[in-house]
C-alpha cells in the first residue's frame, strides 16, 4: 500500500483522500501553531503558491505531541492557519506521529532517513517528508530545515514534471 492510500481524515472531518494527490509531489509536514518553528507556515504557503500549478502540494498534519504546541480544535487550527499565514494547502486531522498511537501515515513515513542519517521517531514539529509522484518518500528533512532551503527546493524541482 502506498503512503497515498493510507486513510486519514481532513481537518474539518471526512476523508482527506490522499489518493487525489497521486501524480503530484507532496511535502508532508507535522505542524503546530504554538511552536518556535511556526513561522515555517509562511514558507510552506509560499512553496504551495509557487509550485501548485506544476503538480505540487503541501499537506499539513497537525500534531500536539511536542510540548502541547498544537492544543486547538480543528476550527481554531483552521482559523489560525488562514488568518495568520493565509494557508491554502490541505490540513488533516490532528494525529500522533510517535508512540503506540502513531498514525499509520507516520508509521510509514518514519521509516525514511533524513539528510543527517536520522530514521525512526519524528523529532519535533515541522519535520518534512517529500513524496515523489508515485507516493514514495524521496527525502526527509529535519524540523530546522526551512521549507525554502536549498535542499528542499532543489529536491522538489528535481521531482516535479518538466
Protein backbone atom coordinates (compact mmCIF):
# COMPACT_ATOMS: atom_id res chain seq x y z
CA UNK A 1 0.00 0.00 0.00
CA UNK A 2 1.32 3.42 -0.99
CA UNK A 3 1.50 6.25 1.52
CA UNK A 4 -1.18 7.94 -0.58
CA UNK A 5 -3.53 5.02 0.15
CA UNK A 6 -3.34 5.44 3.93
CA UNK A 7 -6.71 6.63 5.27
CA UNK A 8 -6.64 9.89 7.22
CA UNK A 9 -9.35 12.45 7.80
CA UNK A 10 -9.32 16.08 6.75
CA UNK A 11 -9.06 18.74 9.46
CA UNK A 12 -12.75 19.63 9.16
CA UNK A 13 -13.84 15.97 9.01
CA UNK A 14 -14.41 13.40 6.33
CA UNK A 15 -11.68 11.59 4.42
CA UNK A 16 -8.67 13.63 3.30
CA UNK A 17 -8.41 11.31 0.27
CA UNK A 18 -4.64 11.41 -0.13
CA UNK A 19 -5.00 9.38 -3.33
CA UNK A 20 -6.16 12.59 -5.03
CA UNK A 21 -2.52 13.72 -4.81
CA UNK A 22 -1.21 10.73 -6.78
CA UNK A 23 0.84 12.13 -9.65
CA UNK A 24 1.83 15.18 -7.58
CA UNK A 25 4.89 15.90 -5.49
CA UNK A 26 3.72 16.24 -1.88
CA UNK A 27 5.51 17.77 1.11
CA UNK A 28 4.05 16.21 4.28
CA UNK A 29 4.74 18.27 7.41
CA UNK A 30 3.63 17.78 11.01
CA UNK A 31 2.58 21.28 12.02
CA UNK A 32 1.82 23.19 15.21
CA UNK A 33 0.58 26.72 15.86
CA UNK A 34 2.48 27.49 19.08
CA UNK A 35 5.95 26.29 18.16
CA UNK A 36 9.15 28.27 17.73
CA UNK A 37 9.11 26.96 14.15
CA UNK A 38 5.51 28.03 13.42
CA UNK A 39 6.73 30.80 11.08
CA UNK A 40 7.51 27.97 8.66
CA UNK A 41 3.79 28.04 7.80
CA UNK A 42 4.54 31.16 5.76
CA UNK A 43 7.30 29.44 3.81
CA UNK A 44 5.14 26.36 3.30
CA UNK A 45 2.39 28.54 1.86
CA UNK A 46 4.91 30.24 -0.42
CA UNK A 47 6.00 26.84 -1.75
CA UNK A 48 2.34 25.96 -2.28
CA UNK A 49 1.68 29.13 -4.28
CA UNK A 50 4.91 28.85 -6.28
CA UNK A 51 4.66 25.20 -7.31
CA UNK A 52 0.97 24.19 -7.14
CA UNK A 53 0.41 24.71 -10.85
CA UNK A 54 3.35 22.42 -11.60
CA UNK A 55 1.86 19.47 -9.69
CA UNK A 56 2.83 20.08 -6.07
CA UNK A 57 1.04 20.38 -2.76
CA UNK A 58 1.92 20.78 0.89
CA UNK A 59 -0.01 18.56 3.29
CA UNK A 60 -0.10 19.88 6.85
CA UNK A 61 -0.65 17.32 9.61
CA UNK A 62 -1.38 18.96 12.98
CA UNK A 63 0.18 17.24 15.98
CA UNK A 64 0.08 18.08 19.69
CA UNK A 65 2.75 15.61 20.86
CA UNK A 66 5.61 18.08 21.25
CA UNK A 67 5.23 20.32 24.31
CA UNK A 68 1.46 20.56 23.61
CA UNK A 69 2.16 23.17 20.91
CA UNK A 70 -1.00 22.37 18.91
CA UNK A 71 -3.78 22.32 21.50
CA UNK A 72 -6.51 23.83 19.33
CA UNK A 73 -9.71 22.38 17.97
CA UNK A 74 -9.98 21.81 14.23
CA UNK A 75 -11.83 25.12 13.92
CA UNK A 76 -9.14 27.00 15.88
CA UNK A 77 -6.36 25.42 13.83
CA UNK A 78 -8.08 26.27 10.54
CA UNK A 79 -8.72 29.86 11.63
CA UNK A 80 -5.15 30.36 12.85
CA UNK A 81 -3.66 28.99 9.64
CA UNK A 82 -5.97 31.01 7.43
CA UNK A 83 -5.83 34.35 9.21
CA UNK A 84 -2.18 34.30 10.30
CA UNK A 85 -0.50 32.73 7.28
CA UNK A 86 -3.15 32.63 4.54
CA UNK A 87 -2.76 28.86 4.30
CA UNK A 88 -4.44 27.35 1.23
CA UNK A 89 -2.86 23.90 1.35
CA UNK A 90 -4.82 20.97 2.81
CA UNK A 91 -4.67 20.11 6.50
CA UNK A 92 -5.50 16.74 8.00
CA UNK A 93 -6.96 15.77 11.32
CA UNK A 94 -4.70 16.16 14.35
CA UNK A 95 -2.73 12.92 14.85
CA UNK A 96 0.04 11.38 16.89
CA UNK A 97 3.27 10.91 14.96
CA UNK A 98 5.15 8.82 17.56
CA UNK A 99 4.38 6.17 20.14
CA UNK A 100 1.77 3.43 20.45
CA UNK A 101 -0.93 5.59 18.86
CA UNK A 102 1.24 6.73 15.94
CA UNK A 103 -0.97 7.27 12.91
CA UNK A 104 -0.40 4.72 10.11
CA UNK A 105 0.70 7.57 7.82
CA UNK A 106 3.60 8.31 10.17
CA UNK A 107 4.33 4.62 10.71
CA UNK A 108 5.24 4.58 7.01
CA UNK A 109 6.95 7.98 6.91
CA UNK A 110 9.14 7.33 9.97
CA UNK A 111 10.97 4.57 8.08
CA UNK A 112 12.64 7.17 5.84
CA UNK A 113 16.10 8.55 6.58
CA UNK A 114 16.77 12.29 6.62
CA UNK A 115 19.72 14.27 5.32
CA UNK A 116 21.61 13.70 8.61
CA UNK A 117 21.03 9.93 8.72
CA UNK A 118 18.14 10.04 11.21
CA UNK A 119 15.41 7.45 10.84
CA UNK A 120 12.58 6.49 13.16
CA UNK A 121 10.68 8.77 15.50
CA UNK A 122 9.70 12.26 14.47
CA UNK A 123 11.90 14.64 16.46
CA UNK A 124 9.74 17.77 16.65
CA UNK A 125 7.13 19.83 14.87
CA UNK A 126 7.77 20.69 11.21
CA UNK A 127 9.66 17.54 10.24
CA UNK A 128 9.21 17.24 6.47
CA UNK A 129 8.78 14.36 4.02
CA UNK A 130 8.91 14.98 0.30
CA UNK A 131 6.92 12.38 -1.64
CA UNK A 132 7.56 11.61 -5.30
CA UNK A 133 4.64 11.45 -7.73
CA UNK A 134 4.19 7.72 -7.02
CA UNK A 135 3.81 8.34 -3.27
CA UNK A 136 7.24 7.05 -2.24
CA UNK A 137 9.36 9.07 0.18
CA UNK A 138 12.01 10.84 -1.88
CA UNK A 139 13.53 12.80 1.01
CA UNK A 140 13.14 13.52 4.70
CA UNK A 141 14.17 16.81 6.28
CA UNK A 142 14.70 17.81 9.90
CA UNK A 143 12.40 20.34 11.57
CA UNK A 144 15.12 23.00 11.39
CA UNK A 145 15.48 22.66 7.61
CA UNK A 146 13.28 25.50 6.41
CA UNK A 147 10.79 24.92 3.59
CA UNK A 148 12.55 27.42 1.33
CA UNK A 149 16.00 25.90 1.96
CA UNK A 150 18.20 25.00 -0.98
CA UNK A 151 17.95 21.30 -0.06
CA UNK A 152 14.16 21.18 -0.19
CA UNK A 153 13.72 23.43 -3.22
CA UNK A 154 16.39 21.60 -5.20
CA UNK A 155 14.86 18.19 -4.45
CA UNK A 156 11.36 19.49 -5.19
CA UNK A 157 12.49 20.89 -8.54
CA UNK A 158 14.08 17.54 -9.45
CA UNK A 159 10.85 15.66 -8.65
CA UNK A 160 8.45 17.96 -10.48
CA UNK A 161 7.47 17.11 -14.04
CA UNK A 162 9.35 19.18 -16.63
